[in-house]
C-alpha atoms as a PDB file:
ATOM      1  CA  UNK A   1     111.961 154.172  89.726  1.00  0.00           C
ATOM      2  CA  UNK A   2     109.352 151.609  90.500  1.00  0.00           C
ATOM      3  CA  UNK A   3     107.094 153.104  93.213  1.00  0.00           C
ATOM      4  CA  UNK A   4     106.616 149.607  94.732  1.00  0.00           C
ATOM      5  CA  UNK A   5     110.313 149.263  95.719  1.00  0.00           C
ATOM      6  CA  UNK A   6     110.285 151.794  98.596  1.00  0.00           C
ATOM      7  CA  UNK A   7     107.151 150.112  99.929  1.00  0.00           C
ATOM      8  CA  UNK A   8     108.808 146.718  99.790  1.00  0.00           C
ATOM      9  CA  UNK A   9     111.886 148.097 101.559  1.00  0.00           C
ATOM     10  CA  UNK A  10     109.671 149.588 104.256  1.00  0.00           C
ATOM     11  CA  UNK A  11     107.886 146.286 104.778  1.00  0.00           C
ATOM     12  CA  UNK A  12     111.216 144.493 104.994  1.00  0.00           C
ATOM     13  CA  UNK A  13     112.528 146.941 107.608  1.00  0.00           C
ATOM     14  CA  UNK A  14     109.349 146.629 109.646  1.00  0.00           C
ATOM     15  CA  UNK A  15     109.546 142.858 109.510  1.00  0.00           C
ATOM     16  CA  UNK A  16     113.176 142.925 110.675  1.00  0.00           C
ATOM     17  CA  UNK A  17     112.268 145.286 113.467  1.00  0.00           C
ATOM     18  CA  UNK A  18     109.450 142.980 114.513  1.00  0.00           C
ATOM     19  CA  UNK A  19     111.776 139.986 114.577  1.00  0.00           C
ATOM     20  CA  UNK A  20     114.233 141.936 116.671  1.00  0.00           C
ATOM     21  CA  UNK A  21     111.456 142.870 119.096  1.00  0.00           C
ATOM     22  CA  UNK A  22     110.478 139.216 119.489  1.00  0.00           C
ATOM     23  CA  UNK A  23     113.921 138.147 120.623  1.00  0.00           C
ATOM     24  CA  UNK A  24     113.918 136.754 124.139  1.00  0.00           C
ATOM     25  CA  UNK A  25     115.400 139.187 126.579  1.00  0.00           C
ATOM     26  CA  UNK A  26     118.166 137.735 128.726  1.00  0.00           C
ATOM     27  CA  UNK A  27     116.954 136.161 131.958  1.00  0.00           C
ATOM     28  CA  UNK A  28     117.512 138.320 135.009  1.00  0.00           C
ATOM     29  CA  UNK A  29     120.185 137.131 137.395  1.00  0.00           C
ATOM     30  CA  UNK A  30     118.997 134.960 140.293  1.00  0.00           C
ATOM     31  CA  UNK A  31     117.575 136.936 143.176  1.00  0.00           C
ATOM     32  CA  UNK A  32     119.417 137.449 146.415  1.00  0.00           C
ATOM     33  CA  UNK A  33     117.353 135.494 148.901  1.00  0.00           C
ATOM     34  CA  UNK A  34     116.795 137.475 152.076  1.00  0.00           C
ATOM     35  CA  UNK A  35     115.501 135.871 155.308  1.00  0.00           C
ATOM     36  CA  UNK A  36     112.053 137.231 154.467  1.00  0.00           C
ATOM     37  CA  UNK A  37     112.145 135.581 151.023  1.00  0.00           C
ATOM     38  CA  UNK A  38     113.318 132.301 152.538  1.00  0.00           C
ATOM     39  CA  UNK A  39     110.378 132.402 154.884  1.00  0.00           C
ATOM     40  CA  UNK A  40     108.018 132.833 151.928  1.00  0.00           C
ATOM     41  CA  UNK A  41     109.714 129.984 150.082  1.00  0.00           C
ATOM     42  CA  UNK A  42     109.333 127.757 153.132  1.00  0.00           C
ATOM     43  CA  UNK A  43     105.622 128.607 153.274  1.00  0.00           C
ATOM     44  CA  UNK A  44     105.270 127.644 149.616  1.00  0.00           C
ATOM     45  CA  UNK A  45     107.118 124.387 150.294  1.00  0.00           C
ATOM     46  CA  UNK A  46     104.660 123.646 153.099  1.00  0.00           C
ATOM     47  CA  UNK A  47     101.843 124.345 150.643  1.00  0.00           C
ATOM     48  CA  UNK A  48     103.446 121.906 148.191  1.00  0.00           C
ATOM     49  CA  UNK A  49     103.586 119.271 150.934  1.00  0.00           C
ATOM     50  CA  UNK A  50      99.931 119.798 151.836  1.00  0.00           C
ATOM     51  CA  UNK A  51      98.872 119.533 148.184  1.00  0.00           C
ATOM     52  CA  UNK A  52     100.945 116.368 147.682  1.00  0.00           C
ATOM     53  CA  UNK A  53      99.437 114.864 150.837  1.00  0.00           C
ATOM     54  CA  UNK A  54      95.924 115.533 149.563  1.00  0.00           C
ATOM     55  CA  UNK A  55      96.548 113.880 146.202  1.00  0.00           C
ATOM     56  CA  UNK A  56      98.292 110.888 147.801  1.00  0.00           C
ATOM     57  CA  UNK A  57      95.353 110.550 150.192  1.00  0.00           C
ATOM     58  CA  UNK A  58      92.901 110.461 147.274  1.00  0.00           C
ATOM     59  CA  UNK A  59      94.949 107.724 145.619  1.00  0.00           C
ATOM     60  CA  UNK A  60      95.126 105.647 148.813  1.00  0.00           C
ATOM     61  CA  UNK A  61      91.397 105.996 149.490  1.00  0.00           C
ATOM     62  CA  UNK A  62      90.462 104.900 145.952  1.00  0.00           C
ATOM     63  CA  UNK A  63      92.873 101.961 146.103  1.00  0.00           C
ATOM     64  CA  UNK A  64      91.693 100.873 149.535  1.00  0.00           C
ATOM     65  CA  UNK A  65      88.100 100.843 148.269  1.00  0.00           C
ATOM     66  CA  UNK A  66      89.183  98.416 145.544  1.00  0.00           C
ATOM     67  CA  UNK A  67      90.928  96.258 148.152  1.00  0.00           C
ATOM     68  CA  UNK A  68      87.848  96.195 150.377  1.00  0.00           C
ATOM     69  CA  UNK A  69      85.574  95.271 147.460  1.00  0.00           C
ATOM     70  CA  UNK A  70      87.844  92.400 146.415  1.00  0.00           C
ATOM     71  CA  UNK A  71      88.118  91.090 149.980  1.00  0.00           C
ATOM     72  CA  UNK A  72      84.347  91.245 150.334  1.00  0.00           C
ATOM     73  CA  UNK A  73      83.805  89.415 147.044  1.00  0.00           C
ATOM     74  CA  UNK A  74      86.314  86.720 147.973  1.00  0.00           C
ATOM     75  CA  UNK A  75      84.720  86.324 151.394  1.00  0.00           C
ATOM     76  CA  UNK A  76      81.317  85.790 149.768  1.00  0.00           C
ATOM     77  CA  UNK A  77      82.535  83.425 147.074  1.00  0.00           C
ATOM     78  CA  UNK A  78      84.968  81.305 149.082  1.00  0.00           C
ATOM     79  CA  UNK A  79      85.154  81.654 152.854  1.00  0.00           C
ATOM     80  CA  UNK A  80      81.451  81.828 153.748  1.00  0.00           C
ATOM     81  CA  UNK A  81      80.471  78.807 151.569  1.00  0.00           C
ATOM     82  CA  UNK A  82      83.438  76.883 152.967  1.00  0.00           C
ATOM     83  CA  UNK A  83      82.737  77.666 156.625  1.00  0.00           C
ATOM     84  CA  UNK A  84      78.985  77.046 156.463  1.00  0.00           C
ATOM     85  CA  UNK A  85      79.264  73.875 154.366  1.00  0.00           C
ATOM     86  CA  UNK A  86      78.067  70.635 155.902  1.00  0.00           C
ATOM     87  CA  UNK A  87      81.358  68.779 155.748  1.00  0.00           C
ATOM     88  CA  UNK A  88      83.308  71.753 157.080  1.00  0.00           C
ATOM     89  CA  UNK A  89      80.976  71.949 160.067  1.00  0.00           C
ATOM     90  CA  UNK A  90      81.503  68.225 160.683  1.00  0.00           C
ATOM     91  CA  UNK A  91      85.257  68.650 160.417  1.00  0.00           C
ATOM     92  CA  UNK A  92      85.156  71.611 162.821  1.00  0.00           C
ATOM     93  CA  UNK A  93      83.110  69.545 165.245  1.00  0.00           C
ATOM     94  CA  UNK A  94      85.856  66.947 165.236  1.00  0.00           C
ATOM     95  CA  UNK A  95      88.488  69.638 165.774  1.00  0.00           C
ATOM     96  CA  UNK A  96      86.565  71.039 168.740  1.00  0.00           C
ATOM     97  CA  UNK A  97      86.391  67.532 170.187  1.00  0.00           C
ATOM     98  CA  UNK A  98      90.128  67.149 169.745  1.00  0.00           C
ATOM     99  CA  UNK A  99      90.792  70.545 171.307  1.00  0.00           C
ATOM    100  CA  UNK A 100      88.620  69.646 174.305  1.00  0.00           C
ATOM    101  CA  UNK A 101      90.441  66.368 174.773  1.00  0.00           C
ATOM    102  CA  UNK A 102      93.776  68.179 174.829  1.00  0.00           C
ATOM    103  CA  UNK A 103      92.715  71.207 176.853  1.00  0.00           C
ATOM    104  CA  UNK A 104      94.456  71.967 180.110  1.00  0.00           C
ATOM    105  CA  UNK A 105      98.134  71.645 180.978  1.00  0.00           C
ATOM    106  CA  UNK A 106      98.744  75.210 179.859  1.00  0.00           C
ATOM    107  CA  UNK A 107      97.286  74.765 176.361  1.00  0.00           C
ATOM    108  CA  UNK A 108      94.998  77.399 174.860  1.00  0.00           C
ATOM    109  CA  UNK A 109      91.231  76.941 175.309  1.00  0.00           C
ATOM    110  CA  UNK A 110      89.371  75.295 172.400  1.00  0.00           C
ATOM    111  CA  UNK A 111      87.741  78.551 171.208  1.00  0.00           C
ATOM    112  CA  UNK A 112      91.132  80.266 170.885  1.00  0.00           C
ATOM    113  CA  UNK A 113      92.647  77.353 168.994  1.00  0.00           C
ATOM    114  CA  UNK A 114      89.632  77.291 166.687  1.00  0.00           C
ATOM    115  CA  UNK A 115      89.955  81.068 166.160  1.00  0.00           C
ATOM    116  CA  UNK A 116      93.589  80.661 165.083  1.00  0.00           C
ATOM    117  CA  UNK A 117      92.549  77.922 162.666  1.00  0.00           C
ATOM    118  CA  UNK A 118      89.772  80.057 161.163  1.00  0.00           C
ATOM    119  CA  UNK A 119      92.080  83.062 160.864  1.00  0.00           C
ATOM    120  CA  UNK A 120      94.637  80.926 159.018  1.00  0.00           C
ATOM    121  CA  UNK A 121      91.900  79.679 156.676  1.00  0.00           C
ATOM    122  CA  UNK A 122      90.647  83.232 156.079  1.00  0.00           C
ATOM    123  CA  UNK A 123      94.124  84.424 155.156  1.00  0.00           C
ATOM    124  CA  UNK A 124      94.667  81.452 152.858  1.00  0.00           C
ATOM    125  CA  UNK A 125      91.297  81.703 151.142  1.00  0.00           C
ATOM    126  CA  UNK A 126      90.741  85.485 151.066  1.00  0.00           C
ATOM    127  CA  UNK A 127      93.575  87.791 152.110  1.00  0.00           C
ATOM    128  CA  UNK A 128      96.459  86.090 150.313  1.00  0.00           C
ATOM    129  CA  UNK A 129      94.711  85.692 146.916  1.00  0.00           C
ATOM    130  CA  UNK A 130      93.590  89.341 147.020  1.00  0.00           C
ATOM    131  CA  UNK A 131      97.095  90.439 148.061  1.00  0.00           C
ATOM    132  CA  UNK A 132      98.464  89.039 144.812  1.00  0.00           C
ATOM    133  CA  UNK A 133      96.685  91.941 143.091  1.00  0.00           C
ATOM    134  CA  UNK A 134      96.389  94.649 145.755  1.00  0.00           C
ATOM    135  CA  UNK A 135      97.079  94.971 149.490  1.00  0.00           C
ATOM    136  CA  UNK A 136      97.227  97.745 152.114  1.00  0.00           C
ATOM    137  CA  UNK A 137     100.990  97.529 152.539  1.00  0.00           C
ATOM    138  CA  UNK A 138     101.622  98.015 148.831  1.00  0.00           C
ATOM    139  CA  UNK A 139      99.132 100.900 148.780  1.00  0.00           C
ATOM    140  CA  UNK A 140     100.980 102.505 151.705  1.00  0.00           C
ATOM    141  CA  UNK A 141     104.331 102.278 149.896  1.00  0.00           C
ATOM    142  CA  UNK A 142     102.961 103.648 146.618  1.00  0.00           C
ATOM    143  CA  UNK A 143     101.153 106.500 148.376  1.00  0.00           C
ATOM    144  CA  UNK A 144     104.409 107.490 150.113  1.00  0.00           C
ATOM    145  CA  UNK A 145     106.347 107.439 146.843  1.00  0.00           C
ATOM    146  CA  UNK A 146     103.556 109.392 145.141  1.00  0.00           C
ATOM    147  CA  UNK A 147     103.777 112.080 147.841  1.00  0.00           C
ATOM    148  CA  UNK A 148     107.491 112.579 147.138  1.00  0.00           C
ATOM    149  CA  UNK A 149     106.933 112.598 143.378  1.00  0.00           C
ATOM    150  CA  UNK A 150     104.173 115.211 143.567  1.00  0.00           C
ATOM    151  CA  UNK A 151     106.215 117.339 145.955  1.00  0.00           C
ATOM    152  CA  UNK A 152     109.182 117.285 143.568  1.00  0.00           C
ATOM    153  CA  UNK A 153     107.031 118.340 140.603  1.00  0.00           C
ATOM    154  CA  UNK A 154     106.065 121.566 142.363  1.00  0.00           C
ATOM    155  CA  UNK A 155     109.651 122.699 143.014  1.00  0.00           C
ATOM    156  CA  UNK A 156     110.351 124.261 139.559  1.00  0.00           C
ATOM    157  CA  UNK A 157     107.305 126.516 139.938  1.00  0.00           C
ATOM    158  CA  UNK A 158     108.437 127.673 143.378  1.00  0.00           C
ATOM    159  CA  UNK A 159     111.990 128.330 142.146  1.00  0.00           C
ATOM    160  CA  UNK A 160     110.671 130.301 139.160  1.00  0.00           C
ATOM    161  CA  UNK A 161     108.236 132.262 141.310  1.00  0.00           C
ATOM    162  CA  UNK A 162     111.060 133.731 143.423  1.00  0.00           C
ATOM    163  CA  UNK A 163     113.802 133.515 140.787  1.00  0.00           C
ATOM    164  CA  UNK A 164     115.673 131.548 143.425  1.00  0.00           C
ATOM    165  CA  UNK A 165     119.124 130.048 142.751  1.00  0.00           C
ATOM    166  CA  UNK A 166     118.396 126.323 142.281  1.00  0.00           C
ATOM    167  CA  UNK A 167     121.566 125.279 144.094  1.00  0.00           C
ATOM    168  CA  UNK A 168     120.496 127.223 147.185  1.00  0.00           C
ATOM    169  CA  UNK A 169     117.073 125.605 147.162  1.00  0.00           C
ATOM    170  CA  UNK A 170     118.772 122.209 146.795  1.00  0.00           C
ATOM    171  CA  UNK A 171     120.927 122.994 149.812  1.00  0.00           C
ATOM    172  CA  UNK A 172     117.804 123.951 151.734  1.00  0.00           C
ATOM    173  CA  UNK A 173     116.170 120.626 150.935  1.00  0.00           C
ATOM    174  CA  UNK A 174     119.362 118.831 151.887  1.00  0.00           C
ATOM    175  CA  UNK A 175     119.058 120.256 155.400  1.00  0.00           C
ATOM    176  CA  UNK A 176     115.448 119.077 155.874  1.00  0.00           C
ATOM    177  CA  UNK A 177     115.149 115.761 157.719  1.00  0.00           C
ATOM    178  CA  UNK A 178     112.616 113.541 155.950  1.00  0.00           C
ATOM    179  CA  UNK A 179     113.381 110.230 157.683  1.00  0.00           C
ATOM    180  CA  UNK A 180     114.866 110.094 161.175  1.00  0.00           C
ATOM    181  CA  UNK A 181     114.962 106.493 162.401  1.00  0.00           C
ATOM    182  CA  UNK A 182     118.643 106.238 163.342  1.00  0.00           C
ATOM    183  CA  UNK A 183     120.986 105.272 164.731  1.00  0.00           C
ATOM    184  CA  UNK A 184     122.666 104.068 162.642  1.00  0.00           C
ATOM    185  CA  UNK A 185     122.946 107.063 160.341  1.00  0.00           C
ATOM    186  CA  UNK A 186     121.920 104.987 157.306  1.00  0.00           C
ATOM    187  CA  UNK A 187     118.373 105.001 158.712  1.00  0.00           C
ATOM    188  CA  UNK A 188     118.239 108.795 158.396  1.00  0.00           C
ATOM    189  CA  UNK A 189     117.723 110.790 155.197  1.00  0.00           C
ATOM    190  CA  UNK A 190     117.144 114.392 154.232  1.00  0.00           C
ATOM    191  CA  UNK A 191     114.557 115.350 151.644  1.00  0.00           C
ATOM    192  CA  UNK A 192     116.937 116.129 148.765  1.00  0.00           C
ATOM    193  CA  UNK A 193     118.335 112.605 148.126  1.00  0.00           C
ATOM    194  CA  UNK A 194     114.838 111.108 148.338  1.00  0.00           C
ATOM    195  CA  UNK A 195     113.594 113.518 145.661  1.00  0.00           C
ATOM    196  CA  UNK A 196     116.606 112.837 143.451  1.00  0.00           C
ATOM    197  CA  UNK A 197     116.637 109.040 143.878  1.00  0.00           C
ATOM    198  CA  UNK A 198     115.885 107.082 140.716  1.00  0.00           C
ATOM    199  CA  UNK A 199     114.833 104.125 142.884  1.00  0.00           C
ATOM    200  CA  UNK A 200     113.631 104.664 146.434  1.00  0.00           C
ATOM    201  CA  UNK A 201     114.110 100.976 147.156  1.00  0.00           C
ATOM    202  CA  UNK A 202     117.866 101.542 146.937  1.00  0.00           C
ATOM    203  CA  UNK A 203     117.733 104.099 149.759  1.00  0.00           C
ATOM    204  CA  UNK A 204     118.526 102.455 153.142  1.00  0.00           C
ATOM    205  CA  UNK A 205     116.474 105.048 155.033  1.00  0.00           C
ATOM    206  CA  UNK A 206     113.463 104.325 152.801  1.00  0.00           C
ATOM    207  CA  UNK A 207     113.771 100.616 153.528  1.00  0.00           C
ATOM    208  CA  UNK A 208     114.036 101.414 157.235  1.00  0.00           C
ATOM    209  CA  UNK A 209     110.836 103.489 157.044  1.00  0.00           C
ATOM    210  CA  UNK A 210     108.955 100.679 155.291  1.00  0.00           C
ATOM    211  CA  UNK A 211     110.051  98.183 157.935  1.00  0.00           C
ATOM    212  CA  UNK A 212     109.144 100.596 160.726  1.00  0.00           C
ATOM    213  CA  UNK A 213     105.605 101.036 159.365  1.00  0.00           C
ATOM    214  CA  UNK A 214     105.270  97.285 158.809  1.00  0.00           C
ATOM    215  CA  UNK A 215     106.221  96.628 162.445  1.00  0.00           C
ATOM    216  CA  UNK A 216     103.730  99.242 163.628  1.00  0.00           C
ATOM    217  CA  UNK A 217     100.940  97.575 161.638  1.00  0.00           C
ATOM    218  CA  UNK A 218     101.814  94.141 163.036  1.00  0.00           C
ATOM    219  CA  UNK A 219     101.409  95.228 166.659  1.00  0.00           C
ATOM    220  CA  UNK A 220      97.619  95.328 166.690  1.00  0.00           C
ATOM    221  CA  UNK A 221      95.337  92.545 165.381  1.00  0.00           C
ATOM    222  CA  UNK A 222      93.105  93.442 162.466  1.00  0.00           C
ATOM    223  CA  UNK A 223      89.396  93.927 163.020  1.00  0.00           C
ATOM    224  CA  UNK A 224      88.701  90.911 160.789  1.00  0.00           C
ATOM    225  CA  UNK A 225      90.716  88.744 163.162  1.00  0.00           C
ATOM    226  CA  UNK A 226      88.672  90.093 166.062  1.00  0.00           C
ATOM    227  CA  UNK A 227      85.488  89.252 164.153  1.00  0.00           C
ATOM    228  CA  UNK A 228      86.705  85.717 163.425  1.00  0.00           C
ATOM    229  CA  UNK A 229      87.511  85.259 167.111  1.00  0.00           C
ATOM    230  CA  UNK A 230      83.871  85.973 167.964  1.00  0.00           C
ATOM    231  CA  UNK A 231      82.797  83.540 165.226  1.00  0.00           C
ATOM    232  CA  UNK A 232      85.101  80.895 166.675  1.00  0.00           C
ATOM    233  CA  UNK A 233      83.735  81.409 170.180  1.00  0.00           C
ATOM    234  CA  UNK A 234      80.158  80.918 168.987  1.00  0.00           C
ATOM    235  CA  UNK A 235      81.103  77.972 166.793  1.00  0.00           C
ATOM    236  CA  UNK A 236      83.072  76.312 169.559  1.00  0.00           C
ATOM    237  CA  UNK A 237      80.124  76.559 171.957  1.00  0.00           C
ATOM    238  CA  UNK A 238      77.605  75.363 169.391  1.00  0.00           C
ATOM    239  CA  UNK A 239      79.704  72.529 167.974  1.00  0.00           C
ATOM    240  CA  UNK A 240      80.854  71.483 171.413  1.00  0.00           C
ATOM    241  CA  UNK A 241      77.246  71.184 172.535  1.00  0.00           C
ATOM    242  CA  UNK A 242      76.641  68.550 169.845  1.00  0.00           C
ATOM    243  CA  UNK A 243      79.216  66.253 171.396  1.00  0.00           C
ATOM    244  CA  UNK A 244      78.093  64.016 174.245  1.00  0.00           C
ATOM    245  CA  UNK A 245      80.495  64.840 177.095  1.00  0.00           C
ATOM    246  CA  UNK A 246      81.349  61.189 177.570  1.00  0.00           C
ATOM    247  CA  UNK A 247      81.587  60.495 173.879  1.00  0.00           C
ATOM    248  CA  UNK A 248      84.348  62.932 172.907  1.00  0.00           C
ATOM    249  CA  UNK A 249      87.242  60.575 173.525  1.00  0.00           C
ATOM    250  CA  UNK A 250      85.568  57.620 171.812  1.00  0.00           C
ATOM    251  CA  UNK A 251      84.591  59.774 168.825  1.00  0.00           C
ATOM    252  CA  UNK A 252      88.112  60.975 168.278  1.00  0.00           C
ATOM    253  CA  UNK A 253      89.623  57.566 168.961  1.00  0.00           C
ATOM    254  CA  UNK A 254      87.337  55.992 166.380  1.00  0.00           C
ATOM    255  CA  UNK A 255      88.605  58.453 163.796  1.00  0.00           C
ATOM    256  CA  UNK A 256      92.295  57.637 164.179  1.00  0.00           C
ATOM    257  CA  UNK A 257      93.778  55.937 161.159  1.00  0.00           C
ATOM    258  CA  UNK A 258      90.689  56.191 158.980  1.00  0.00           C
ATOM    259  CA  UNK A 259      90.318  57.974 155.649  1.00  0.00           C
ATOM    260  CA  UNK A 260      89.016  61.515 155.811  1.00  0.00           C
ATOM    261  CA  UNK A 261      85.520  60.727 154.567  1.00  0.00           C
ATOM    262  CA  UNK A 262      85.097  57.713 156.852  1.00  0.00           C
ATOM    263  CA  UNK A 263      86.653  59.604 159.735  1.00  0.00           C
ATOM    264  CA  UNK A 264      84.075  62.371 159.510  1.00  0.00           C
ATOM    265  CA  UNK A 265      81.150  60.036 159.079  1.00  0.00           C
ATOM    266  CA  UNK A 266      82.179  57.828 162.032  1.00  0.00           C
ATOM    267  CA  UNK A 267      83.594  60.328 164.463  1.00  0.00           C
ATOM    268  CA  UNK A 268      81.320  63.313 164.204  1.00  0.00           C
ATOM    269  CA  UNK A 269      78.162  63.637 166.230  1.00  0.00           C
ATOM    270  CA  UNK A 270      77.337  67.037 164.738  1.00  0.00           C
ATOM    271  CA  UNK A 271      74.417  68.264 162.703  1.00  0.00           C
ATOM    272  CA  UNK A 272      72.582  65.919 160.470  1.00  0.00           C
ATOM    273  CA  UNK A 273      72.369  66.834 156.815  1.00  0.00           C
ATOM    274  CA  UNK A 274      68.739  67.897 157.029  1.00  0.00           C
ATOM    275  CA  UNK A 275      69.282  69.944 160.174  1.00  0.00           C
ATOM    276  CA  UNK A 276      72.257  71.653 158.562  1.00  0.00           C
ATOM    277  CA  UNK A 277      70.289  72.530 155.409  1.00  0.00           C
ATOM    278  CA  UNK A 278      67.595  74.085 157.547  1.00  0.00           C
ATOM    279  CA  UNK A 279      69.991  76.157 159.655  1.00  0.00           C
ATOM    280  CA  UNK A 280      72.539  77.085 156.969  1.00  0.00           C
ATOM    281  CA  UNK A 281      70.783  80.272 155.660  1.00  0.00           C
ATOM    282  CA  UNK A 282      70.757  81.772 159.136  1.00  0.00           C
ATOM    283  CA  UNK A 283      74.381  80.728 159.653  1.00  0.00           C
ATOM    284  CA  UNK A 284      75.387  82.373 156.358  1.00  0.00           C
ATOM    285  CA  UNK A 285      73.609  85.625 157.215  1.00  0.00           C
ATOM    286  CA  UNK A 286      75.131  85.813 160.697  1.00  0.00           C
ATOM    287  CA  UNK A 287      78.622  85.171 159.358  1.00  0.00           C
ATOM    288  CA  UNK A 288      78.136  87.715 156.565  1.00  0.00           C
ATOM    289  CA  UNK A 289      77.061  90.430 159.018  1.00  0.00           C
ATOM    290  CA  UNK A 290      79.963  89.752 161.406  1.00  0.00           C
ATOM    291  CA  UNK A 291      82.590  89.748 158.664  1.00  0.00           C
ATOM    292  CA  UNK A 292      81.156  92.790 156.856  1.00  0.00           C
ATOM    293  CA  UNK A 293      81.155  94.824 160.059  1.00  0.00           C
ATOM    294  CA  UNK A 294      84.694  93.695 160.849  1.00  0.00           C
ATOM    295  CA  UNK A 295      85.897  94.495 157.317  1.00  0.00           C
ATOM    296  CA  UNK A 296      84.372  97.981 157.369  1.00  0.00           C
ATOM    297  CA  UNK A 297      85.965  98.693 160.745  1.00  0.00           C
ATOM    298  CA  UNK A 298      89.317  97.418 159.501  1.00  0.00           C
ATOM    299  CA  UNK A 299      89.083  99.590 156.384  1.00  0.00           C
ATOM    300  CA  UNK A 300      88.347 102.638 158.530  1.00  0.00           C
ATOM    301  CA  UNK A 301      91.276 101.806 160.797  1.00  0.00           C
ATOM    302  CA  UNK A 302      93.599 101.400 157.822  1.00  0.00           C
ATOM    303  CA  UNK A 303      92.536 104.774 156.454  1.00  0.00           C
ATOM    304  CA  UNK A 304      92.656 106.732 159.721  1.00  0.00           C
ATOM    305  CA  UNK A 305      95.515 105.230 161.720  1.00  0.00           C
ATOM    306  CA  UNK A 306      98.408 107.650 161.293  1.00  0.00           C
ATOM    307  CA  UNK A 307     100.986 105.210 162.680  1.00  0.00           C
ATOM    308  CA  UNK A 308     100.248 102.070 160.672  1.00  0.00           C
ATOM    309  CA  UNK A 309      97.499 102.759 158.120  1.00  0.00           C
ATOM    310  CA  UNK A 310      97.602 103.151 154.361  1.00  0.00           C
ATOM    311  CA  UNK A 311      98.654 106.804 154.713  1.00  0.00           C
ATOM    312  CA  UNK A 312     101.081 106.364 157.609  1.00  0.00           C
ATOM    313  CA  UNK A 313     104.112 106.784 155.315  1.00  0.00           C
ATOM    314  CA  UNK A 314     102.688 109.990 153.846  1.00  0.00           C
ATOM    315  CA  UNK A 315     101.879 111.329 157.314  1.00  0.00           C
ATOM    316  CA  UNK A 316     105.359 110.472 158.558  1.00  0.00           C
ATOM    317  CA  UNK A 317     107.173 112.171 155.664  1.00  0.00           C
ATOM    318  CA  UNK A 318     104.936 115.233 155.533  1.00  0.00           C
ATOM    319  CA  UNK A 319     105.113 115.630 159.305  1.00  0.00           C
ATOM    320  CA  UNK A 320     108.901 115.544 159.300  1.00  0.00           C
ATOM    321  CA  UNK A 321     109.187 117.947 156.369  1.00  0.00           C
ATOM    322  CA  UNK A 322     106.551 120.439 157.471  1.00  0.00           C
ATOM    323  CA  UNK A 323     107.857 120.536 161.041  1.00  0.00           C
ATOM    324  CA  UNK A 324     111.333 121.294 159.724  1.00  0.00           C
ATOM    325  CA  UNK A 325     110.034 124.047 157.443  1.00  0.00           C
ATOM    326  CA  UNK A 326     107.924 125.631 160.198  1.00  0.00           C
ATOM    327  CA  UNK A 327     110.859 125.685 162.601  1.00  0.00           C
ATOM    328  CA  UNK A 328     113.201 127.126 159.953  1.00  0.00           C
ATOM    329  CA  UNK A 329     115.680 124.333 160.613  1.00  0.00           C
ATOM    330  CA  UNK A 330     118.658 124.531 158.228  1.00  0.00           C
ATOM    331  CA  UNK A 331     117.376 127.723 156.619  1.00  0.00           C
ATOM    332  CA  UNK A 332     120.252 129.725 155.023  1.00  0.00           C
END
């Protein structure tokens, strides 16, 4: 008998035994979740919410920095050269004259009307072009969706950690109010359908939340608008001082029916070209400082305001969910 055969048989048996030992043992049956275990699971869910909030906050802060940089660049390249340009100053002088002629009888004062005009120009020249690429409202919506996505990704780990029956965890999430803006009931939603939704935009409660946050943001004027109001007040006083009090009506009347270039040259009694060139650097620097301060304050407000800022959707959702988990609402 070949002495190598028993050795080969032994190796074969050992190999088979090793394969058998490597077989996956059957998974244990799901655990019976006691009240104490549910409390631990709820604590882990709160931890998942806190972690998701932190990551969503990082995303919003980075995105809002990009928005601020683009607004600042657009302000420097478009709005400041436009506002401080010679012909714009002449045109604004004419507008102030027109506002003064039509003041009274319940109409807004000239400085307020000029502020509204400058705000409209700022939106057209700066905010709207930047918004085509990035804007605070879009950042707010994406941060809210990111929070839900990151929360959902942590659920399998929590379920595995406690060997919890997935259907029971799903039921738990289906008893947690995530959006409560009703009536009607369509404006309310629990956490489970939001996590399962393939498209949040198709969820009526999600649309209601977006509209609610949009309305909150529209209630207070932005800091840039406040800054432009101060610019308009100064400009109105300065430009108005260049108009002879008795010459306002004649200046405007002379402009009626003329072409734009002739109208400005005939009607305006504002700065001369040489005077403007001398004063323009100081005007540019003053406007730059005012708008930079206003933009930085607006950015801070957008980051910190929990009712209408870039993270207001995340704060709303996490607040609803964490409050429900802390109170044990709907816990089996």
